[in-house]
Amino acid sequence: LKSQIFFSTQQALIKSLWKIKESLNPLLCIFAVNRGINSPLSLSLSFTSVANWGKSKSL
């Protein structure tokens, strides 16, 4: 049950991160993620979203 709660929380977090990424500056997204969770997963996730954001801007 714990892992299920963790997973759904993670999914919701990723979804909200995506919304943040869409509407805000990616650097703010990184900052928020680092403050909120401060884990390697969130760090790599935010860098990935910034990379994707950069790609979408340059296309």
C-alpha atoms as a PDB file:
ATOM      1  CA  LEU A   1       0.000   0.000   0.000  1.00  0.00           C
ATOM      2  CA  LYS A   2       2.791   2.399   0.887  1.00  0.00           C
ATOM      3  CA  SER A   3       4.469   1.919  -2.464  1.00  0.00           C
ATOM      4  CA  GLN A   4       1.136   2.424  -4.222  1.00  0.00           C
ATOM      5  CA  ILE A   5       0.618   5.718  -2.402  1.00  0.00           C
ATOM      6  CA  PHE A   6       4.186   6.715  -3.194  1.00  0.00           C
ATOM      7  CA  PHE A   7       3.690   5.848  -6.845  1.00  0.00           C
ATOM      8  CA  SER A   8       0.461   7.806  -7.211  1.00  0.00           C
ATOM      9  CA  THR A   9       2.029  10.751  -5.393  1.00  0.00           C
ATOM     10  CA  GLN A  10       4.964  10.552  -7.766  1.00  0.00           C
ATOM     11  CA  GLN A  11       2.648  10.457 -10.766  1.00  0.00           C
ATOM     12  CA  ALA A  12       0.751  13.495  -9.520  1.00  0.00           C
ATOM     13  CA  LEU A  13       4.034  15.274  -8.886  1.00  0.00           C
ATOM     14  CA  ILE A  14       5.267  14.555 -12.396  1.00  0.00           C
ATOM     15  CA  LYS A  15       1.986  15.835 -13.830  1.00  0.00           C
ATOM     16  CA  SER A  16       2.161  19.042 -11.806  1.00  0.00           C
ATOM     17  CA  LEU A  17       5.819  19.448 -12.735  1.00  0.00           C
ATOM     18  CA  TRP A  18       4.783  19.192 -16.354  1.00  0.00           C
ATOM     19  CA  LYS A  19       2.233  21.957 -15.854  1.00  0.00           C
ATOM     20  CA  ILE A  20       4.860  24.083 -14.137  1.00  0.00           C
ATOM     21  CA  LYS A  21       7.266  23.384 -16.972  1.00  0.00           C
ATOM     22  CA  GLU A  22       4.672  24.437 -19.528  1.00  0.00           C
ATOM     23  CA  SER A  23       3.800  27.687 -17.808  1.00  0.00           C
ATOM     24  CA  LEU A  24       6.951  28.795 -16.005  1.00  0.00           C
ATOM     25  CA  ASN A  25      10.633  29.292 -16.582  1.00  0.00           C
ATOM     26  CA  PRO A  26      12.414  25.895 -16.413  1.00  0.00           C
ATOM     27  CA  LEU A  27      14.917  27.257 -13.896  1.00  0.00           C
ATOM     28  CA  LEU A  28      12.069  28.019 -11.520  1.00  0.00           C
ATOM     29  CA  CYS A  29      10.933  24.451 -12.074  1.00  0.00           C
ATOM     30  CA  ILE A  30      14.355  23.128 -11.043  1.00  0.00           C
ATOM     31  CA  PHE A  31      14.362  25.359  -7.989  1.00  0.00           C
ATOM     32  CA  ALA A  32      10.902  24.248  -6.906  1.00  0.00           C
ATOM     33  CA  VAL A  33      11.774  20.599  -7.396  1.00  0.00           C
ATOM     34  CA  ASN A  34      15.010  20.896  -5.448  1.00  0.00           C
ATOM     35  CA  ARG A  35      13.279  22.662  -2.586  1.00  0.00           C
ATOM     36  CA  GLY A  36      10.383  20.222  -2.588  1.00  0.00           C
ATOM     37  CA  ILE A  37      12.011  16.813  -2.787  1.00  0.00           C
ATOM     38  CA  ASN A  38      15.757  17.276  -3.104  1.00  0.00           C
ATOM     39  CA  SER A  39      16.309  13.838  -4.608  1.00  0.00           C
ATOM     40  CA  PRO A  40      18.327  12.612  -7.603  1.00  0.00           C
ATOM     41  CA  LEU A  41      15.114  11.552  -9.321  1.00  0.00           C
ATOM     42  CA  SER A  42      13.566  15.000  -9.166  1.00  0.00           C
ATOM     43  CA  LEU A  43      16.856  16.605 -10.148  1.00  0.00           C
ATOM     44  CA  SER A  44      17.246  14.455 -13.254  1.00  0.00           C
ATOM     45  CA  LEU A  45      13.551  14.880 -14.016  1.00  0.00           C
ATOM     46  CA  SER A  46      13.789  18.662 -13.911  1.00  0.00           C
ATOM     47  CA  PHE A  47      16.932  18.656 -16.039  1.00  0.00           C
ATOM     48  CA  THR A  48      15.180  16.397 -18.521  1.00  0.00           C
ATOM     49  CA  SER A  49      12.210  18.730 -18.675  1.00  0.00           C
ATOM     50  CA  VAL A  50      14.514  21.718 -19.156  1.00  0.00           C
ATOM     51  CA  ALA A  51      16.290  19.889 -21.973  1.00  0.00           C
ATOM     52  CA  ASN A  52      12.951  19.099 -23.596  1.00  0.00           C
ATOM     53  CA  TRP A  53      11.838  22.698 -23.078  1.00  0.00           C
ATOM     54  CA  GLY A  54      15.004  23.924 -24.759  1.00  0.00           C
ATOM     55  CA  LYS A  55      14.495  21.537 -27.664  1.00  0.00           C
ATOM     56  CA  SER A  56      10.884  22.632 -28.149  1.00  0.00           C
ATOM     57  CA  LYS A  57      11.954  26.298 -28.107  1.00  0.00           C
ATOM     58  CA  SER A  58      14.715  25.780 -30.664  1.00  0.00           C
ATOM     59  CA  LEU A  59      12.536  23.802 -33.105  1.00  0.00           C
END
